Amino acid sequence: MTNDIIKSILSRTTTNLYDPTFTLSDEKIYELVKIATTAPTSFNFQNWRFIAVRTAEAKTRLRKIAWDQPKITEAAVTFIICGQLIDYRLLPERLTPAVEMGIMPVEMMSILEDASRGLYFQQPQRQRDEAVRSGSIGATALIYAAHALDLGSTPMIGFDANAVTQEFSLSDNEIPVLLLAVGKALPENWPQKPRRPVSDVLDFI
């Protein structure tokens, strides 16, 4: 029998209409992001940042540079999901907690740092690709966390990335991967749209 996690995944839909009177506490937003950050990243770099745009003033600023999408201001919060360009020198800091908890032997830290240096150092395209991957995977985890907590969500790519970077003071190593609205879905939302047949997208080799 399908378990509760799979049922939740299969029942998720994208929300277009939100209850604008619904709010989320800072504690609930924190909980959502804490869940999202359990998603995997390369070498456990955790190279992401979640900007919770939740005040009316900040939402209005974001909406102006994001195709004037009503979801941005009507949802309880709209996250700017940022992927960060990987700096291999940060890896010891990110792995130290795993060593201290006895999960990873200390000898592995230098091995993984060397491997990450070889993979990402002076590789701008690979760094960018990894930032987008990490941000996307983190956003996906947040989407399903929201759904599990009976909240609707909407990933959006309709925005001026340069304007978002400037307006919200993103650092030079951050890429705004997508926007993600989260809030209370209204009943008028469409059900999940049909997916392509698995036979169209799956190959066995």
N, C-alpha and C. Protein backbone atom coordinates (compact mmCIF):
# COMPACT_ATOMS: atom_id res chain seq x y z
N MET A 1 0.85 -1.19 0.00
CA MET A 1 0.00 0.00 0.00
C MET A 1 0.89 1.26 0.00
N THR A 2 0.46 2.28 -0.73
CA THR A 2 1.21 3.52 -0.80
C THR A 2 1.30 4.16 0.57
N ASN A 3 2.50 4.55 0.98
CA ASN A 3 2.64 5.16 2.30
C ASN A 3 2.29 6.65 2.26
N ASP A 4 2.28 7.27 3.44
CA ASP A 4 1.82 8.65 3.54
C ASP A 4 2.70 9.62 2.79
N ILE A 5 4.01 9.36 2.76
CA ILE A 5 4.91 10.27 2.05
C ILE A 5 4.61 10.26 0.55
N ILE A 6 4.46 9.07 -0.02
CA ILE A 6 4.17 8.97 -1.44
C ILE A 6 2.80 9.55 -1.75
N LYS A 7 1.82 9.31 -0.89
CA LYS A 7 0.50 9.91 -1.08
C LYS A 7 0.59 11.43 -1.13
N SER A 8 1.41 11.99 -0.25
CA SER A 8 1.57 13.43 -0.22
C SER A 8 2.20 13.94 -1.52
N ILE A 9 3.24 13.25 -1.98
CA ILE A 9 3.90 13.65 -3.23
C ILE A 9 2.93 13.60 -4.40
N LEU A 10 2.16 12.52 -4.48
CA LEU A 10 1.25 12.33 -5.61
C LEU A 10 0.07 13.30 -5.59
N SER A 11 -0.27 13.82 -4.42
CA SER A 11 -1.44 14.69 -4.32
C SER A 11 -1.11 16.17 -4.41
N ARG A 12 0.16 16.52 -4.49
CA ARG A 12 0.54 17.94 -4.54
C ARG A 12 0.08 18.59 -5.84
N THR A 13 -0.38 19.82 -5.74
CA THR A 13 -0.72 20.61 -6.92
C THR A 13 -0.07 21.99 -6.79
N THR A 14 0.08 22.66 -7.91
CA THR A 14 0.61 24.02 -7.89
C THR A 14 -0.53 25.00 -7.61
N THR A 15 -0.28 25.94 -6.72
CA THR A 15 -1.31 26.90 -6.32
C THR A 15 -1.18 28.19 -7.12
N ASN A 16 -2.29 28.67 -7.64
CA ASN A 16 -2.32 29.96 -8.31
C ASN A 16 -3.12 31.00 -7.53
N LEU A 17 -4.06 30.54 -6.70
CA LEU A 17 -4.92 31.45 -5.96
C LEU A 17 -4.72 31.24 -4.46
N TYR A 18 -4.36 32.32 -3.77
CA TYR A 18 -4.08 32.26 -2.34
C TYR A 18 -5.07 33.10 -1.55
N ASP A 19 -5.25 32.72 -0.30
CA ASP A 19 -6.02 33.53 0.63
C ASP A 19 -5.11 34.65 1.14
N PRO A 20 -5.34 35.90 0.72
CA PRO A 20 -4.42 36.98 1.10
C PRO A 20 -4.50 37.37 2.57
N THR A 21 -5.50 36.87 3.28
CA THR A 21 -5.61 37.19 4.71
C THR A 21 -4.84 36.22 5.59
N PHE A 22 -4.37 35.13 5.00
CA PHE A 22 -3.68 34.10 5.76
C PHE A 22 -2.23 34.50 6.00
N THR A 23 -1.74 34.27 7.20
CA THR A 23 -0.35 34.60 7.52
C THR A 23 0.36 33.37 8.08
N LEU A 24 1.67 33.39 8.00
CA LEU A 24 2.51 32.37 8.59
C LEU A 24 3.42 33.02 9.61
N SER A 25 3.55 32.41 10.76
CA SER A 25 4.45 32.94 11.78
C SER A 25 5.90 32.74 11.35
N ASP A 26 6.78 33.53 11.93
CA ASP A 26 8.20 33.35 11.67
C ASP A 26 8.65 31.94 12.05
N GLU A 27 8.05 31.40 13.11
CA GLU A 27 8.40 30.06 13.57
C GLU A 27 8.04 29.01 12.52
N LYS A 28 6.88 29.18 11.88
CA LYS A 28 6.46 28.22 10.85
C LYS A 28 7.35 28.35 9.60
N ILE A 29 7.72 29.56 9.25
CA ILE A 29 8.63 29.76 8.13
C ILE A 29 9.98 29.12 8.42
N TYR A 30 10.45 29.30 9.64
CA TYR A 30 11.70 28.67 10.08
C TYR A 30 11.60 27.16 9.96
N GLU A 31 10.47 26.60 10.38
CA GLU A 31 10.27 25.15 10.31
C GLU A 31 10.33 24.65 8.87
N LEU A 32 9.69 25.37 7.96
CA LEU A 32 9.70 24.98 6.55
C LEU A 32 11.12 24.96 6.00
N VAL A 33 11.88 26.00 6.30
CA VAL A 33 13.24 26.07 5.77
C VAL A 33 14.13 25.02 6.42
N LYS A 34 13.92 24.76 7.70
CA LYS A 34 14.71 23.72 8.36
C LYS A 34 14.49 22.38 7.68
N ILE A 35 13.26 22.08 7.31
CA ILE A 35 12.96 20.84 6.58
C ILE A 35 13.65 20.86 5.22
N ALA A 36 13.54 21.99 4.53
CA ALA A 36 14.11 22.10 3.18
C ALA A 36 15.61 21.87 3.18
N THR A 37 16.28 22.30 4.25
CA THR A 37 17.74 22.19 4.26
C THR A 37 18.24 20.79 4.59
N THR A 38 17.34 19.84 4.74
CA THR A 38 17.78 18.45 4.83
C THR A 38 17.98 17.84 3.45
N ALA A 39 17.67 18.59 2.40
CA ALA A 39 17.86 18.10 1.03
C ALA A 39 19.35 17.93 0.74
N PRO A 40 19.70 17.07 -0.22
CA PRO A 40 21.13 16.82 -0.50
C PRO A 40 21.78 17.95 -1.29
N THR A 41 23.08 18.13 -1.05
CA THR A 41 23.91 19.03 -1.85
C THR A 41 25.26 18.36 -2.09
N SER A 42 25.94 18.82 -3.12
CA SER A 42 27.25 18.26 -3.46
C SER A 42 28.22 18.44 -2.29
N PHE A 43 28.86 17.35 -1.86
CA PHE A 43 29.83 17.36 -0.77
C PHE A 43 29.25 17.89 0.55
N ASN A 44 27.93 18.02 0.62
CA ASN A 44 27.25 18.63 1.77
C ASN A 44 27.64 20.10 1.94
N PHE A 45 27.86 20.80 0.80
CA PHE A 45 28.21 22.21 0.86
C PHE A 45 27.06 23.06 1.41
N GLN A 46 25.82 22.60 1.21
CA GLN A 46 24.65 23.38 1.66
C GLN A 46 24.72 24.81 1.11
N ASN A 47 24.99 24.90 -0.17
CA ASN A 47 25.24 26.18 -0.83
C ASN A 47 23.93 26.82 -1.30
N TRP A 48 23.16 27.29 -0.33
CA TRP A 48 21.89 27.94 -0.64
C TRP A 48 21.57 28.98 0.42
N ARG A 49 20.61 29.85 0.09
CA ARG A 49 20.05 30.79 1.06
C ARG A 49 18.59 30.99 0.71
N PHE A 50 17.75 31.08 1.73
CA PHE A 50 16.31 31.24 1.56
C PHE A 50 15.91 32.60 2.13
N ILE A 51 15.50 33.52 1.27
CA ILE A 51 15.08 34.85 1.72
C ILE A 51 13.56 34.84 1.80
N ALA A 52 13.03 34.96 3.01
CA ALA A 52 11.58 34.92 3.22
C ALA A 52 11.02 36.34 3.10
N VAL A 53 10.41 36.62 1.96
CA VAL A 53 9.81 37.93 1.72
C VAL A 53 8.39 37.88 2.28
N ARG A 54 8.17 38.53 3.43
CA ARG A 54 6.90 38.33 4.13
C ARG A 54 6.18 39.62 4.50
N THR A 55 6.88 40.77 4.48
CA THR A 55 6.19 42.02 4.78
C THR A 55 5.52 42.55 3.51
N ALA A 56 4.47 43.32 3.69
CA ALA A 56 3.75 43.88 2.53
C ALA A 56 4.67 44.74 1.68
N GLU A 57 5.52 45.52 2.34
CA GLU A 57 6.43 46.41 1.61
C GLU A 57 7.42 45.62 0.77
N ALA A 58 7.99 44.57 1.34
CA ALA A 58 8.98 43.77 0.60
C ALA A 58 8.32 43.00 -0.53
N LYS A 59 7.12 42.47 -0.29
CA LYS A 59 6.39 41.76 -1.34
C LYS A 59 6.10 42.68 -2.52
N THR A 60 5.71 43.92 -2.22
CA THR A 60 5.41 44.87 -3.28
C THR A 60 6.65 45.16 -4.12
N ARG A 61 7.79 45.31 -3.45
CA ARG A 61 9.05 45.53 -4.18
C ARG A 61 9.39 44.34 -5.07
N LEU A 62 9.16 43.14 -4.56
CA LEU A 62 9.47 41.95 -5.35
C LEU A 62 8.51 41.80 -6.52
N ARG A 63 7.24 42.05 -6.27
CA ARG A 63 6.25 41.90 -7.34
C ARG A 63 6.55 42.81 -8.52
N LYS A 64 7.06 44.00 -8.26
CA LYS A 64 7.35 44.95 -9.34
C LYS A 64 8.43 44.45 -10.29
N ILE A 65 9.29 43.57 -9.80
CA ILE A 65 10.38 43.07 -10.66
C ILE A 65 10.18 41.59 -10.98
N ALA A 66 8.94 41.12 -10.79
CA ALA A 66 8.64 39.71 -11.05
C ALA A 66 7.33 39.59 -11.83
N TRP A 67 7.27 40.33 -12.93
CA TRP A 67 6.15 40.24 -13.86
C TRP A 67 4.80 40.58 -13.23
N ASP A 68 4.83 41.32 -12.14
CA ASP A 68 3.60 41.76 -11.47
C ASP A 68 2.67 40.58 -11.14
N GLN A 69 3.25 39.47 -10.71
CA GLN A 69 2.45 38.28 -10.43
C GLN A 69 1.73 38.43 -9.08
N PRO A 70 0.40 38.34 -9.08
CA PRO A 70 -0.36 38.53 -7.83
C PRO A 70 0.02 37.54 -6.73
N LYS A 71 0.45 36.36 -7.11
CA LYS A 71 0.79 35.34 -6.10
C LYS A 71 1.84 35.85 -5.12
N ILE A 72 2.71 36.71 -5.59
CA ILE A 72 3.81 37.18 -4.76
C ILE A 72 3.31 37.95 -3.55
N THR A 73 2.28 38.76 -3.75
CA THR A 73 1.77 39.55 -2.64
C THR A 73 0.61 38.87 -1.92
N GLU A 74 -0.07 37.94 -2.56
CA GLU A 74 -1.22 37.30 -1.94
C GLU A 74 -0.84 36.10 -1.07
N ALA A 75 0.26 35.44 -1.40
CA ALA A 75 0.72 34.32 -0.56
C ALA A 75 1.25 34.86 0.76
N ALA A 76 1.27 33.99 1.76
CA ALA A 76 1.74 34.41 3.08
C ALA A 76 3.21 34.82 3.05
N VAL A 77 4.00 34.11 2.26
CA VAL A 77 5.42 34.41 2.13
C VAL A 77 5.87 34.00 0.73
N THR A 78 6.77 34.76 0.16
CA THR A 78 7.40 34.35 -1.10
C THR A 78 8.90 34.29 -0.87
N PHE A 79 9.44 33.12 -1.06
CA PHE A 79 10.88 32.92 -0.86
C PHE A 79 11.65 33.26 -2.13
N ILE A 80 12.76 33.93 -1.95
CA ILE A 80 13.77 34.01 -3.01
C ILE A 80 14.76 32.90 -2.71
N ILE A 81 14.80 31.89 -3.57
CA ILE A 81 15.70 30.75 -3.36
C ILE A 81 17.02 31.06 -4.07
N CYS A 82 18.07 31.17 -3.29
CA CYS A 82 19.38 31.51 -3.83
C CYS A 82 20.30 30.29 -3.80
N GLY A 83 20.94 30.03 -4.93
CA GLY A 83 22.04 29.07 -4.96
C GLY A 83 23.35 29.82 -4.86
N GLN A 84 24.31 29.26 -4.17
CA GLN A 84 25.59 29.92 -3.97
C GLN A 84 26.70 29.21 -4.74
N LEU A 85 27.56 30.00 -5.38
CA LEU A 85 28.70 29.44 -6.09
C LEU A 85 29.63 28.76 -5.09
N ILE A 86 30.08 27.58 -5.41
CA ILE A 86 30.85 26.80 -4.45
C ILE A 86 32.29 27.31 -4.34
N ASP A 87 32.70 27.51 -3.09
CA ASP A 87 34.09 27.83 -2.75
C ASP A 87 34.61 26.63 -1.96
N TYR A 88 35.50 25.87 -2.56
CA TYR A 88 35.96 24.62 -1.94
C TYR A 88 36.59 24.86 -0.57
N ARG A 89 37.08 26.08 -0.32
CA ARG A 89 37.73 26.39 0.95
C ARG A 89 36.76 26.38 2.12
N LEU A 90 35.47 26.44 1.84
CA LEU A 90 34.46 26.41 2.89
C LEU A 90 34.11 24.99 3.35
N LEU A 91 34.59 24.01 2.63
CA LEU A 91 34.16 22.65 2.92
C LEU A 91 34.53 22.17 4.34
N PRO A 92 35.75 22.44 4.85
CA PRO A 92 36.04 21.98 6.22
C PRO A 92 35.03 22.51 7.24
N GLU A 93 34.65 23.76 7.09
CA GLU A 93 33.65 24.35 7.99
C GLU A 93 32.32 23.60 7.92
N ARG A 94 31.92 23.23 6.69
CA ARG A 94 30.63 22.56 6.50
C ARG A 94 30.67 21.10 6.98
N LEU A 95 31.85 20.49 6.95
CA LEU A 95 31.95 19.08 7.32
C LEU A 95 32.32 18.87 8.79
N THR A 96 32.82 19.90 9.45
CA THR A 96 33.25 19.75 10.84
C THR A 96 32.15 19.20 11.76
N PRO A 97 30.89 19.67 11.64
CA PRO A 97 29.85 19.10 12.50
C PRO A 97 29.70 17.59 12.34
N ALA A 98 29.86 17.09 11.11
CA ALA A 98 29.75 15.64 10.89
C ALA A 98 30.89 14.89 11.55
N VAL A 99 32.07 15.50 11.55
CA VAL A 99 33.23 14.89 12.23
C VAL A 99 33.00 14.90 13.74
N GLU A 100 32.54 16.03 14.26
CA GLU A 100 32.33 16.16 15.71
C GLU A 100 31.26 15.19 16.22
N MET A 101 30.29 14.84 15.35
CA MET A 101 29.23 13.91 15.74
C MET A 101 29.63 12.45 15.53
N GLY A 102 30.84 12.24 15.00
CA GLY A 102 31.30 10.89 14.77
C GLY A 102 30.73 10.24 13.52
N ILE A 103 30.13 11.04 12.65
CA ILE A 103 29.56 10.51 11.41
C ILE A 103 30.66 10.27 10.37
N MET A 104 31.64 11.16 10.35
CA MET A 104 32.69 11.12 9.33
C MET A 104 34.06 11.12 10.01
N PRO A 105 35.00 10.28 9.57
CA PRO A 105 36.36 10.35 10.12
C PRO A 105 37.05 11.63 9.68
N VAL A 106 37.85 12.20 10.56
CA VAL A 106 38.48 13.48 10.28
C VAL A 106 39.36 13.42 9.03
N GLU A 107 39.91 12.24 8.75
CA GLU A 107 40.78 12.09 7.58
C GLU A 107 40.04 12.37 6.27
N MET A 108 38.73 12.19 6.28
CA MET A 108 37.96 12.37 5.06
C MET A 108 37.88 13.84 4.65
N MET A 109 38.05 14.74 5.60
CA MET A 109 37.87 16.16 5.29
C MET A 109 38.85 16.63 4.24
N SER A 110 40.13 16.30 4.38
CA SER A 110 41.12 16.75 3.41
C SER A 110 40.93 16.06 2.07
N ILE A 111 40.49 14.80 2.10
CA ILE A 111 40.24 14.07 0.85
C ILE A 111 39.10 14.73 0.08
N LEU A 112 38.02 15.07 0.78
CA LEU A 112 36.87 15.68 0.12
C LEU A 112 37.18 17.12 -0.31
N GLU A 113 37.98 17.82 0.49
CA GLU A 113 38.35 19.18 0.09
C GLU A 113 39.16 19.15 -1.19
N ASP A 114 40.11 18.23 -1.30
CA ASP A 114 40.89 18.11 -2.53
C ASP A 114 40.00 17.76 -3.72
N ALA A 115 39.06 16.85 -3.49
CA ALA A 115 38.16 16.44 -4.57
C ALA A 115 37.29 17.61 -5.02
N SER A 116 36.77 18.37 -4.07
CA SER A 116 35.91 19.51 -4.43
C SER A 116 36.72 20.61 -5.12
N ARG A 117 37.97 20.77 -4.71
CA ARG A 117 38.83 21.74 -5.39
C ARG A 117 39.02 21.35 -6.85
N GLY A 118 39.29 20.08 -7.08
CA GLY A 118 39.47 19.63 -8.45
C GLY A 118 38.21 19.78 -9.29
N LEU A 119 37.06 19.67 -8.65
CA LEU A 119 35.79 19.73 -9.39
C LEU A 119 35.35 21.15 -9.66
N TYR A 120 35.57 22.07 -8.71
CA TYR A 120 34.94 23.39 -8.82
C TYR A 120 35.91 24.57 -8.96
N PHE A 121 37.16 24.43 -8.54
CA PHE A 121 38.07 25.58 -8.57
C PHE A 121 38.31 26.03 -10.00
N GLN A 122 38.11 27.33 -10.24
CA GLN A 122 38.27 27.94 -11.57
C GLN A 122 37.38 27.26 -12.62
N GLN A 123 36.22 26.84 -12.19
CA GLN A 123 35.23 26.24 -13.09
C GLN A 123 33.91 27.00 -12.94
N PRO A 124 33.82 28.21 -13.50
CA PRO A 124 32.64 29.06 -13.27
C PRO A 124 31.33 28.44 -13.73
N GLN A 125 31.34 27.75 -14.87
CA GLN A 125 30.10 27.15 -15.34
C GLN A 125 29.65 26.02 -14.42
N ARG A 126 30.60 25.22 -13.98
CA ARG A 126 30.27 24.12 -13.08
C ARG A 126 29.78 24.65 -11.73
N GLN A 127 30.40 25.74 -11.27
CA GLN A 127 29.94 26.35 -10.03
C GLN A 127 28.51 26.88 -10.17
N ARG A 128 28.24 27.51 -11.30
CA ARG A 128 26.88 28.03 -11.52
C ARG A 128 25.87 26.89 -11.62
N ASP A 129 26.24 25.85 -12.37
CA ASP A 129 25.35 24.70 -12.50
C ASP A 129 25.02 24.12 -11.12
N GLU A 130 26.03 24.02 -10.26
CA GLU A 130 25.81 23.44 -8.94
C GLU A 130 24.95 24.34 -8.07
N ALA A 131 25.12 25.66 -8.21
CA ALA A 131 24.28 26.60 -7.47
C ALA A 131 22.82 26.44 -7.86
N VAL A 132 22.56 26.30 -9.16
CA VAL A 132 21.18 26.13 -9.63
C VAL A 132 20.62 24.79 -9.19
N ARG A 133 21.46 23.75 -9.26
CA ARG A 133 21.00 22.43 -8.79
C ARG A 133 20.63 22.47 -7.31
N SER A 134 21.52 23.02 -6.50
CA SER A 134 21.28 23.04 -5.06
C SER A 134 20.04 23.86 -4.72
N GLY A 135 19.92 25.03 -5.33
CA GLY A 135 18.74 25.85 -5.08
C GLY A 135 17.46 25.16 -5.51
N SER A 136 17.50 24.46 -6.63
CA SER A 136 16.31 23.78 -7.13
C SER A 136 15.92 22.60 -6.25
N ILE A 137 16.92 21.84 -5.79
CA ILE A 137 16.63 20.70 -4.93
C ILE A 137 16.08 21.19 -3.57
N GLY A 138 16.69 22.25 -3.04
CA GLY A 138 16.19 22.81 -1.80
C GLY A 138 14.77 23.33 -1.93
N ALA A 139 14.48 23.99 -3.05
CA ALA A 139 13.13 24.50 -3.29
C ALA A 139 12.13 23.36 -3.40
N THR A 140 12.53 22.28 -4.04
CA THR A 140 11.64 21.13 -4.17
C THR A 140 11.29 20.54 -2.81
N ALA A 141 12.31 20.43 -1.95
CA ALA A 141 12.04 19.93 -0.60
C ALA A 141 11.08 20.86 0.14
N LEU A 142 11.24 22.16 -0.05
CA LEU A 142 10.36 23.12 0.61
C LEU A 142 8.93 23.00 0.08
N ILE A 143 8.79 22.77 -1.22
CA ILE A 143 7.46 22.59 -1.82
C ILE A 143 6.71 21.43 -1.16
N TYR A 144 7.40 20.31 -1.00
CA TYR A 144 6.73 19.14 -0.43
C TYR A 144 6.55 19.27 1.08
N ALA A 145 7.45 20.00 1.73
CA ALA A 145 7.25 20.28 3.15
C ALA A 145 6.00 21.14 3.34
N ALA A 146 5.84 22.15 2.49
CA ALA A 146 4.65 23.00 2.57
C ALA A 146 3.38 22.18 2.36
N HIS A 147 3.40 21.32 1.37
CA HIS A 147 2.22 20.50 1.08
C HIS A 147 1.89 19.58 2.25
N ALA A 148 2.91 19.02 2.86
CA ALA A 148 2.68 18.13 4.00
C ALA A 148 2.07 18.88 5.18
N LEU A 149 2.28 20.19 5.22
CA LEU A 149 1.71 21.02 6.29
C LEU A 149 0.43 21.72 5.83
N ASP A 150 -0.20 21.18 4.77
CA ASP A 150 -1.47 21.70 4.24
C ASP A 150 -1.36 23.12 3.71
N LEU A 151 -0.22 23.43 3.12
CA LEU A 151 -0.02 24.73 2.50
C LEU A 151 0.17 24.58 1.00
N GLY A 152 -0.28 25.58 0.26
CA GLY A 152 -0.04 25.60 -1.18
C GLY A 152 1.29 26.27 -1.48
N SER A 153 1.79 26.02 -2.69
CA SER A 153 3.05 26.65 -3.10
C SER A 153 3.09 26.82 -4.60
N THR A 154 3.92 27.78 -5.03
CA THR A 154 4.06 28.07 -6.46
C THR A 154 5.50 28.42 -6.77
N PRO A 155 6.23 27.58 -7.50
CA PRO A 155 7.55 27.98 -7.98
C PRO A 155 7.40 28.91 -9.17
N MET A 156 8.23 29.95 -9.23
CA MET A 156 8.14 30.94 -10.30
C MET A 156 9.52 31.29 -10.83
N ILE A 157 9.62 31.35 -12.16
CA ILE A 157 10.87 31.79 -12.77
C ILE A 157 10.69 33.12 -13.51
N GLY A 158 9.48 33.68 -13.43
CA GLY A 158 9.20 34.95 -14.10
C GLY A 158 9.64 36.13 -13.25
N PHE A 159 10.92 36.50 -13.34
CA PHE A 159 11.42 37.65 -12.59
C PHE A 159 12.71 38.13 -13.24
N ASP A 160 13.06 39.38 -12.96
CA ASP A 160 14.30 39.97 -13.45
C ASP A 160 15.40 39.62 -12.46
N ALA A 161 16.26 38.69 -12.83
CA ALA A 161 17.27 38.19 -11.90
C ALA A 161 18.22 39.30 -11.46
N ASN A 162 18.63 40.17 -12.38
CA ASN A 162 19.54 41.26 -12.01
C ASN A 162 18.87 42.23 -11.04
N ALA A 163 17.60 42.53 -11.30
CA ALA A 163 16.87 43.44 -10.42
C ALA A 163 16.68 42.83 -9.03
N VAL A 164 16.39 41.53 -8.97
CA VAL A 164 16.24 40.86 -7.67
C VAL A 164 17.56 40.90 -6.91
N THR A 165 18.64 40.64 -7.61
CA THR A 165 19.97 40.68 -6.99
C THR A 165 20.25 42.03 -6.37
N GLN A 166 19.92 43.10 -7.10
CA GLN A 166 20.20 44.45 -6.60
C GLN A 166 19.21 44.86 -5.51
N GLU A 167 17.93 44.61 -5.74
CA GLU A 167 16.89 45.07 -4.81
C GLU A 167 16.99 44.40 -3.45
N PHE A 168 17.43 43.14 -3.45
CA PHE A 168 17.48 42.39 -2.20
C PHE A 168 18.91 42.07 -1.75
N SER A 169 19.85 42.81 -2.32
CA SER A 169 21.25 42.80 -1.86
C SER A 169 21.87 41.41 -1.82
N LEU A 170 21.67 40.65 -2.89
CA LEU A 170 22.33 39.35 -2.98
C LEU A 170 23.83 39.58 -3.15
N SER A 171 24.61 38.65 -2.63
CA SER A 171 26.06 38.78 -2.73
C SER A 171 26.53 38.33 -4.12
N ASP A 172 27.80 38.59 -4.39
CA ASP A 172 28.35 38.27 -5.71
C ASP A 172 28.34 36.77 -6.00
N ASN A 173 28.31 35.95 -4.94
CA ASN A 173 28.36 34.50 -5.16
C ASN A 173 26.97 33.86 -5.14
N GLU A 174 25.91 34.69 -5.17
CA GLU A 174 24.55 34.15 -5.09
C GLU A 174 23.79 34.35 -6.39
N ILE A 175 23.03 33.33 -6.75
CA ILE A 175 22.18 33.35 -7.94
C ILE A 175 20.74 33.17 -7.50
N PRO A 176 19.83 34.09 -7.88
CA PRO A 176 18.42 33.87 -7.57
C PRO A 176 17.86 32.79 -8.50
N VAL A 177 17.70 31.59 -7.98
CA VAL A 177 17.33 30.45 -8.82
C VAL A 177 15.85 30.48 -9.18
N LEU A 178 15.01 30.73 -8.19
CA LEU A 178 13.57 30.82 -8.42
C LEU A 178 12.91 31.50 -7.24
N LEU A 179 11.65 31.89 -7.45
CA LEU A 179 10.81 32.40 -6.38
C LEU A 179 9.84 31.29 -6.00
N LEU A 180 9.47 31.24 -4.73
CA LEU A 180 8.54 30.21 -4.28
C LEU A 180 7.54 30.81 -3.31
N ALA A 181 6.31 30.97 -3.79
CA ALA A 181 5.23 31.47 -2.94
C ALA A 181 4.68 30.32 -2.10
N VAL A 182 4.34 30.61 -0.85
CA VAL A 182 3.76 29.61 0.06
C VAL A 182 2.65 30.28 0.87
N GLY A 183 1.52 29.62 0.95
CA GLY A 183 0.41 30.16 1.73
C GLY A 183 -0.78 29.23 1.71
N LYS A 184 -1.93 29.76 2.06
CA LYS A 184 -3.16 28.96 2.10
C LYS A 184 -3.83 29.00 0.74
N ALA A 185 -3.98 27.84 0.12
CA ALA A 185 -4.59 27.76 -1.20
C ALA A 185 -6.11 27.91 -1.09
N LEU A 186 -6.67 28.66 -2.02
CA LEU A 186 -8.13 28.79 -2.09
C LEU A 186 -8.72 27.57 -2.79
N PRO A 187 -9.97 27.23 -2.52
CA PRO A 187 -10.57 26.03 -3.12
C PRO A 187 -10.76 26.12 -4.63
N GLU A 188 -10.69 27.34 -5.19
CA GLU A 188 -10.90 27.49 -6.63
C GLU A 188 -9.71 27.05 -7.47
N ASN A 189 -8.61 26.67 -6.84
CA ASN A 189 -7.45 26.24 -7.61
C ASN A 189 -7.75 24.98 -8.41
N TRP A 190 -7.08 24.86 -9.56
CA TRP A 190 -7.24 23.67 -10.40
C TRP A 190 -6.66 22.45 -9.70
N PRO A 191 -7.18 21.27 -10.03
CA PRO A 191 -6.53 20.04 -9.55
C PRO A 191 -5.22 19.82 -10.31
N GLN A 192 -4.49 18.80 -9.91
CA GLN A 192 -3.23 18.50 -10.58
C GLN A 192 -3.47 18.17 -12.04
N LYS A 193 -2.67 18.80 -12.92
CA LYS A 193 -2.81 18.55 -14.35
C LYS A 193 -2.20 17.19 -14.71
N PRO A 194 -2.74 16.53 -15.74
CA PRO A 194 -2.23 15.20 -16.11
C PRO A 194 -0.75 15.25 -16.49
N ARG A 195 -0.04 14.20 -16.18
CA ARG A 195 1.36 14.06 -16.52
C ARG A 195 1.52 13.19 -17.77
N ARG A 196 2.66 13.36 -18.42
CA ARG A 196 2.95 12.52 -19.58
C ARG A 196 3.07 11.06 -19.14
N PRO A 197 2.74 10.13 -20.02
CA PRO A 197 2.89 8.72 -19.66
C PRO A 197 4.35 8.39 -19.33
N VAL A 198 4.53 7.54 -18.35
CA VAL A 198 5.88 7.14 -17.97
C VAL A 198 6.62 6.53 -19.16
N SER A 199 5.89 5.84 -20.01
CA SER A 199 6.53 5.22 -21.19
C SER A 199 7.15 6.25 -22.13
N ASP A 200 6.70 7.51 -22.04
CA ASP A 200 7.28 8.57 -22.88
C ASP A 200 8.58 9.13 -22.30
N VAL A 201 8.80 8.92 -21.01
CA VAL A 201 9.93 9.58 -20.36
C VAL A 201 10.94 8.62 -19.72
N LEU A 202 10.63 7.33 -19.80
CA LEU A 202 11.51 6.32 -19.17
C LEU A 202 12.11 5.40 -20.21
N ASP A 203 13.43 5.24 -20.16
CA ASP A 203 14.11 4.26 -21.00
C ASP A 203 14.85 3.26 -20.12
N PHE A 204 14.77 2.01 -20.48
CA PHE A 204 15.53 0.96 -19.81
C PHE A 204 16.71 0.59 -20.72
N ILE A 205 17.88 0.51 -20.15
CA ILE A 205 19.08 0.18 -20.94
C ILE A 205 19.75 -1.05 -20.35
